C-alpha atoms as a PDB file:
ATOM      1  CA  MET A   1     102.367 118.963 125.294  1.00  0.00           C
ATOM      2  CA  LEU A   2     100.972 117.962 121.854  1.00  0.00           C
ATOM      3  CA  ILE A   3      97.649 118.401 120.071  1.00  0.00           C
ATOM      4  CA  PRO A   4      97.030 115.606 117.562  1.00  0.00           C
ATOM      5  CA  LEU A   5      95.521 116.742 114.009  1.00  0.00           C
ATOM      6  CA  PHE A   6      94.789 115.438 111.142  1.00  0.00           C
ATOM      7  CA  LEU A   7      95.144 117.673 108.191  1.00  0.00           C
ATOM      8  CA  ARG A   8      93.247 117.732 104.983  1.00  0.00           C
ATOM      9  CA  LEU A   9      95.963 118.801 102.055  1.00  0.00           C
ATOM     10  CA  ASP A  10      93.794 118.892  98.733  1.00  0.00           C
ATOM     11  CA  ARG A  11      95.260 121.303  96.634  1.00  0.00           C
ATOM     12  CA  LYS A  12      97.142 123.332  99.230  1.00  0.00           C
ATOM     13  CA  ARG A  13     101.119 123.987  98.966  1.00  0.00           C
ATOM     14  CA  VAL A  14     103.215 121.997 101.036  1.00  0.00           C
ATOM     15  CA  LEU A  15     106.858 123.034 100.536  1.00  0.00           C
ATOM     16  CA  VAL A  16     109.433 120.254 101.070  1.00  0.00           C
ATOM     17  CA  VAL A  17     113.252 121.399 101.644  1.00  0.00           C
ATOM     18  CA  GLY A  18     115.604 118.467 100.400  1.00  0.00           C
ATOM     19  CA  GLY A  19     115.696 115.821  97.523  1.00  0.00           C
ATOM     20  CA  GLY A  20     117.557 112.957  99.252  1.00  0.00           C
ATOM     21  CA  THR A  21     115.498 109.596 100.321  1.00  0.00           C
ATOM     22  CA  VAL A  22     113.737 111.150 103.526  1.00  0.00           C
ATOM     23  CA  ALA A  23     112.441 113.991 101.587  1.00  0.00           C
ATOM     24  CA  GLU A  24     111.347 111.687  98.502  1.00  0.00           C
ATOM     25  CA  ARG A  25     109.019 109.562 101.163  1.00  0.00           C
ATOM     26  CA  LYS A  26     107.271 112.596 102.741  1.00  0.00           C
ATOM     27  CA  ALA A  27     106.591 114.337  98.993  1.00  0.00           C
ATOM     28  CA  ILE A  28     104.918 111.297  97.611  1.00  0.00           C
ATOM     29  CA  ASP A  29     102.697 110.601 100.697  1.00  0.00           C
ATOM     30  CA  LEU A  30     102.350 114.555 100.782  1.00  0.00           C
ATOM     31  CA  ALA A  31     101.170 114.163  96.982  1.00  0.00           C
ATOM     32  CA  ASP A  32      99.109 110.825  97.429  1.00  0.00           C
ATOM     33  CA  ALA A  33      97.252 113.040 100.129  1.00  0.00           C
ATOM     34  CA  GLY A  34      96.226 115.483  97.539  1.00  0.00           C
ATOM     35  CA  ALA A  35      98.699 118.434  98.650  1.00  0.00           C
ATOM     36  CA  ASP A  36     100.605 120.585  95.358  1.00  0.00           C
ATOM     37  CA  VAL A  37     103.745 119.630  96.550  1.00  0.00           C
ATOM     38  CA  THR A  38     106.772 121.910  95.564  1.00  0.00           C
ATOM     39  CA  VAL A  39     110.596 120.013  96.133  1.00  0.00           C
ATOM     40  CA  VAL A  40     113.398 122.823  96.963  1.00  0.00           C
ATOM     41  CA  ALA A  41     116.709 121.115  96.798  1.00  0.00           C
ATOM     42  CA  PRO A  42     119.716 121.441  94.572  1.00  0.00           C
ATOM     43  CA  GLU A  43     119.587 117.337  93.978  1.00  0.00           C
ATOM     44  CA  VAL A  44     116.872 115.242  93.773  1.00  0.00           C
ATOM     45  CA  THR A  45     116.136 111.393  93.792  1.00  0.00           C
ATOM     46  CA  ASP A  46     115.535 109.602  90.561  1.00  0.00           C
ATOM     47  CA  ALA A  47     111.838 108.953  91.974  1.00  0.00           C
ATOM     48  CA  LEU A  48     111.387 112.434  92.700  1.00  0.00           C
ATOM     49  CA  ALA A  49     112.347 113.770  89.166  1.00  0.00           C
ATOM     50  CA  MET A  50     109.998 111.146  87.655  1.00  0.00           C
ATOM     51  CA  ASP A  51     106.773 111.892  89.918  1.00  0.00           C
ATOM     52  CA  ALA A  52     104.743 114.298  88.034  1.00  0.00           C
ATOM     53  CA  ARG A  53     102.487 115.508  90.541  1.00  0.00           C
ATOM     54  CA  ILE A  54     105.713 117.138  92.530  1.00  0.00           C
ATOM     55  CA  LYS A  55     106.939 120.433  91.580  1.00  0.00           C
ATOM     56  CA  ILE A  56     110.789 120.219  91.364  1.00  0.00           C
ATOM     57  CA  GLU A  57     112.510 123.596  92.232  1.00  0.00           C
ATOM     58  CA  ARG A  58     116.518 122.817  91.700  1.00  0.00           C
ATOM     59  CA  ARG A  59     118.270 125.140  93.369  1.00  0.00           C
ATOM     60  CA  ALA A  60     119.120 125.945  97.319  1.00  0.00           C
ATOM     61  CA  PHE A  61     116.497 126.768  99.561  1.00  0.00           C
ATOM     62  CA  GLU A  62     115.373 130.788 100.181  1.00  0.00           C
ATOM     63  CA  GLU A  63     113.036 132.303 102.829  1.00  0.00           C
ATOM     64  CA  SER A  64     110.627 133.487  99.972  1.00  0.00           C
ATOM     65  CA  ASP A  65     110.031 129.644  99.238  1.00  0.00           C
ATOM     66  CA  VAL A  66     107.689 129.712 102.453  1.00  0.00           C
ATOM     67  CA  ASP A  67     105.248 132.182 101.030  1.00  0.00           C
ATOM     68  CA  GLY A  68     101.983 130.646 100.213  1.00  0.00           C
ATOM     69  CA  ALA A  69     102.579 127.455 101.516  1.00  0.00           C
ATOM     70  CA  TRP A  70     100.266 125.664 104.286  1.00  0.00           C
ATOM     71  CA  LEU A  71     102.881 123.454 105.587  1.00  0.00           C
ATOM     72  CA  VAL A  72     106.895 123.032 105.546  1.00  0.00           C
ATOM     73  CA  PHE A  73     108.995 120.216 105.618  1.00  0.00           C
ATOM     74  CA  ALA A  74     112.684 120.890 106.282  1.00  0.00           C
ATOM     75  CA  ALA A  75     114.250 117.600 105.443  1.00  0.00           C
ATOM     76  CA  THR A  76     118.165 118.040 104.207  1.00  0.00           C
ATOM     77  CA  ASP A  77     121.256 116.642 106.068  1.00  0.00           C
ATOM     78  CA  ASP A  78     122.472 120.435 106.150  1.00  0.00           C
ATOM     79  CA  PRO A  79     121.455 121.763 109.543  1.00  0.00           C
ATOM     80  CA  VAL A  80     122.168 125.321 108.637  1.00  0.00           C
ATOM     81  CA  THR A  81     119.156 125.018 105.826  1.00  0.00           C
ATOM     82  CA  GLN A  82     116.834 122.987 108.275  1.00  0.00           C
ATOM     83  CA  VAL A  83     117.112 126.066 110.695  1.00  0.00           C
ATOM     84  CA  ARG A  84     116.515 128.586 107.838  1.00  0.00           C
ATOM     85  CA  ALA A  85     113.508 126.733 106.413  1.00  0.00           C
ATOM     86  CA  CYS A  86     112.219 126.275 110.098  1.00  0.00           C
ATOM     87  CA  ASP A  87     112.935 130.188 110.823  1.00  0.00           C
ATOM     88  CA  ALA A  88     111.277 131.384 107.688  1.00  0.00           C
ATOM     89  CA  ALA A  89     108.239 128.896 107.791  1.00  0.00           C
ATOM     90  CA  ASP A  90     107.740 130.345 111.751  1.00  0.00           C
ATOM     91  CA  LEU A  91     108.217 133.759 110.471  1.00  0.00           C
ATOM     92  CA  ALA A  92     105.143 133.300 107.714  1.00  0.00           C
ATOM     93  CA  HIS A  93     103.326 131.344 110.642  1.00  0.00           C
ATOM     94  CA  VAL A  94     103.243 128.324 108.905  1.00  0.00           C
ATOM     95  CA  PHE A  95     104.143 124.967 110.668  1.00  0.00           C
ATOM     96  CA  ALA A  96     106.741 122.929 110.379  1.00  0.00           C
ATOM     97  CA  VAL A  97     108.248 119.570 110.739  1.00  0.00           C
ATOM     98  CA  ALA A  98     112.215 119.377 110.556  1.00  0.00           C
ATOM     99  CA  VAL A  99     112.605 116.054 110.106  1.00  0.00           C
ATOM    100  CA  ASP A 100     115.000 114.617 112.716  1.00  0.00           C
ATOM    101  CA  ASP A 101     115.741 117.919 113.763  1.00  0.00           C
ATOM    102  CA  PRO A 102     112.528 118.296 116.530  1.00  0.00           C
ATOM    103  CA  PRO A 103     114.120 121.121 118.309  1.00  0.00           C
ATOM    104  CA  ASN A 104     113.513 123.552 115.359  1.00  0.00           C
ATOM    105  CA  GLY A 105     110.618 121.994 114.028  1.00  0.00           C
ATOM    106  CA  SER A 106     106.770 123.618 115.091  1.00  0.00           C
ATOM    107  CA  ALA A 107     105.332 120.064 113.949  1.00  0.00           C
ATOM    108  CA  TYR A 108     106.182 116.030 114.231  1.00  0.00           C
ATOM    109  CA  SER A 109     105.156 113.451 111.774  1.00  0.00           C
ATOM    110  CA  ALA A 110     103.792 110.686 113.226  1.00  0.00           C
ATOM    111  CA  SER A 111     104.008 106.767 112.412  1.00  0.00           C
ATOM    112  CA  VAL A 112     100.731 106.016 110.726  1.00  0.00           C
ATOM    113  CA  ILE A 113      98.390 103.139 110.186  1.00  0.00           C
ATOM    114  CA  ARG A 114      95.441 103.534 107.169  1.00  0.00           C
ATOM    115  CA  ARG A 115      93.011 100.601 107.087  1.00  0.00           C
ATOM    116  CA  GLY A 116      90.164 102.064 105.122  1.00  0.00           C
ATOM    117  CA  PRO A 117      88.580 104.876 106.846  1.00  0.00           C
ATOM    118  CA  PHE A 118      90.701 104.915 109.770  1.00  0.00           C
ATOM    119  CA  THR A 119      93.833 106.275 110.497  1.00  0.00           C
ATOM    120  CA  VAL A 120      96.240 106.130 113.378  1.00  0.00           C
ATOM    121  CA  ALA A 121      98.968 107.942 114.032  1.00  0.00           C
ATOM    122  CA  ILE A 122     102.026 107.348 116.647  1.00  0.00           C
ATOM    123  CA  SER A 123     104.453 110.233 118.209  1.00  0.00           C
ATOM    124  CA  SER A 124     107.025 110.352 120.408  1.00  0.00           C
ATOM    125  CA  SER A 125     107.304 113.928 120.059  1.00  0.00           C
ATOM    126  CA  GLY A 126     109.986 113.557 118.051  1.00  0.00           C
ATOM    127  CA  GLU A 127     112.167 112.052 120.827  1.00  0.00           C
ATOM    128  CA  ALA A 128     112.090 108.592 119.722  1.00  0.00           C
ATOM    129  CA  PRO A 129     111.383 107.936 116.174  1.00  0.00           C
ATOM    130  CA  ALA A 130     112.313 104.536 115.875  1.00  0.00           C
ATOM    131  CA  LEU A 131     109.938 103.708 118.855  1.00  0.00           C
ATOM    132  CA  SER A 132     107.026 104.912 117.445  1.00  0.00           C
ATOM    133  CA  ARG A 133     107.662 102.664 114.068  1.00  0.00           C
ATOM    134  CA  LEU A 134     108.170  99.940 115.899  1.00  0.00           C
ATOM    135  CA  LEU A 135     104.599 100.679 118.311  1.00  0.00           C
ATOM    136  CA  ARG A 136     103.056 101.345 115.122  1.00  0.00           C
ATOM    137  CA  GLU A 137     103.954  98.124 113.359  1.00  0.00           C
ATOM    138  CA  VAL A 138     103.122  96.061 116.762  1.00  0.00           C
ATOM    139  CA  LEU A 139      99.315  98.270 116.324  1.00  0.00           C
ATOM    140  CA  GLU A 140      99.174  96.941 112.552  1.00  0.00           C
ATOM    141  CA  GLN A 141      99.186  92.954 114.055  1.00  0.00           C
ATOM    142  CA  ALA A 142      96.379  94.024 116.905  1.00  0.00           C
ATOM    143  CA  LEU A 143      94.187  95.843 114.279  1.00  0.00           C
ATOM    144  CA  PRO A 144      91.070  93.899 112.705  1.00  0.00           C
ATOM    145  CA  GLU A 145      90.897  93.991 108.855  1.00  0.00           C
ATOM    146  CA  GLU A 146      88.955  96.009 107.020  1.00  0.00           C
ATOM    147  CA  ASP A 147      86.055  93.957 106.494  1.00  0.00           C
ATOM    148  CA  TRP A 148      85.233  94.274 110.235  1.00  0.00           C
ATOM    149  CA  LEU A 149      84.232  97.730 108.998  1.00  0.00           C
ATOM    150  CA  GLU A 150      81.490  96.315 106.833  1.00  0.00           C
ATOM    151  CA  SER A 151      80.176  94.201 110.198  1.00  0.00           C
ATOM    152  CA  ALA A 152      80.701  97.568 112.149  1.00  0.00           C
ATOM    153  CA  ARG A 153      78.368  99.425 109.519  1.00  0.00           C
ATOM    154  CA  ALA A 154      75.688  96.637 109.478  1.00  0.00           C
ATOM    155  CA  LEU A 155      75.712  96.391 113.375  1.00  0.00           C
ATOM    156  CA  ARG A 156      75.004 100.524 113.389  1.00  0.00           C
ATOM    157  CA  GLU A 157      72.236 100.056 110.937  1.00  0.00           C
ATOM    158  CA  ARG A 158      70.420  97.569 112.945  1.00  0.00           C
ATOM    159  CA  TRP A 159      70.984  99.177 115.874  1.00  0.00           C
ATOM    160  CA  ARG A 160      69.415 102.629 114.218  1.00  0.00           C
ATOM    161  CA  ARG A 161      66.345 100.820 112.860  1.00  0.00           C
ATOM    162  CA  ASP A 162      65.805  98.859 115.893  1.00  0.00           C
ATOM    163  CA  GLY A 163      66.087 102.116 118.114  1.00  0.00           C
ATOM    164  CA  THR A 164      69.254 100.387 120.252  1.00  0.00           C
ATOM    165  CA  PRO A 165      70.192 102.886 122.889  1.00  0.00           C
ATOM    166  CA  MET A 166      73.479 104.268 122.844  1.00  0.00           C
ATOM    167  CA  THR A 167      74.548 102.781 125.931  1.00  0.00           C
ATOM    168  CA  SER A 168      73.938  99.034 124.826  1.00  0.00           C
ATOM    169  CA  ARG A 169      76.082  99.417 121.641  1.00  0.00           C
ATOM    170  CA  PHE A 170      79.411  99.408 122.448  1.00  0.00           C
ATOM    171  CA  ALA A 171      79.050  96.212 124.614  1.00  0.00           C
ATOM    172  CA  GLU A 172      77.330  94.589 121.781  1.00  0.00           C
ATOM    173  CA  LEU A 173      80.007  95.530 119.303  1.00  0.00           C
ATOM    174  CA  VAL A 174      82.876  94.314 121.473  1.00  0.00           C
ATOM    175  CA  ARG A 175      81.096  90.775 122.040  1.00  0.00           C
ATOM    176  CA  SER A 176      80.275  90.564 118.158  1.00  0.00           C
ATOM    177  CA  PHE A 177      84.384  91.354 117.633  1.00  0.00           C
ATOM    178  CA  LYS A 178      85.094  88.945 119.970  1.00  0.00           C
ATOM    179  CA  ASP A 179      83.292  86.304 118.541  1.00  0.00           C
ATOM    180  CA  ARG A 180      84.781  87.511 114.992  1.00  0.00           C
ATOM    181  CA  ALA A 181      87.968  87.060 116.365  1.00  0.00           C
ATOM    182  CA  SER A 182      87.676  83.675 118.222  1.00  0.00           C
ATOM    183  CA  GLY A 183      85.686  82.372 114.885  1.00  0.00           C
ATOM    184  CA  GLY A 184      82.655  81.945 116.605  1.00  0.00           C
END
């Protein structure tokens, strides 16, 4: 069983082992989240090389690279390096995501939907990442637009002002959004 968890990585050191397109996507997402990202790989994509937020070390992975990291992403096409990176993370008591290599990781990435302050993550425990992506795409179509958040905030303010009991709030919220979705 997995425990879903959302991490605040602002100014936290995250190591990405690998420099290909998958590592690129992970490193850029981590940098967007405010992480202090270091990529270790003999070669890196142009996008990684040009992203000033990401520290690049063009060399082979060394076990000491995990020192001081809060999280490790092993995103290489080299199975030996994948295992070494995950083993080093394990010894350092650091979670490791082994991209496309679930048995070696201690954490899994998820397919993610972000809408305003909401984040929805879907995981197949590393067994079917393509299915997780498909479910994400289906859910993206079903989720309300961001302007619904404004309506929900307004309802909450009115409930607080009027002293509406908690037991009545959910049904009213559902009715409000049902009417909104049907154009009423």
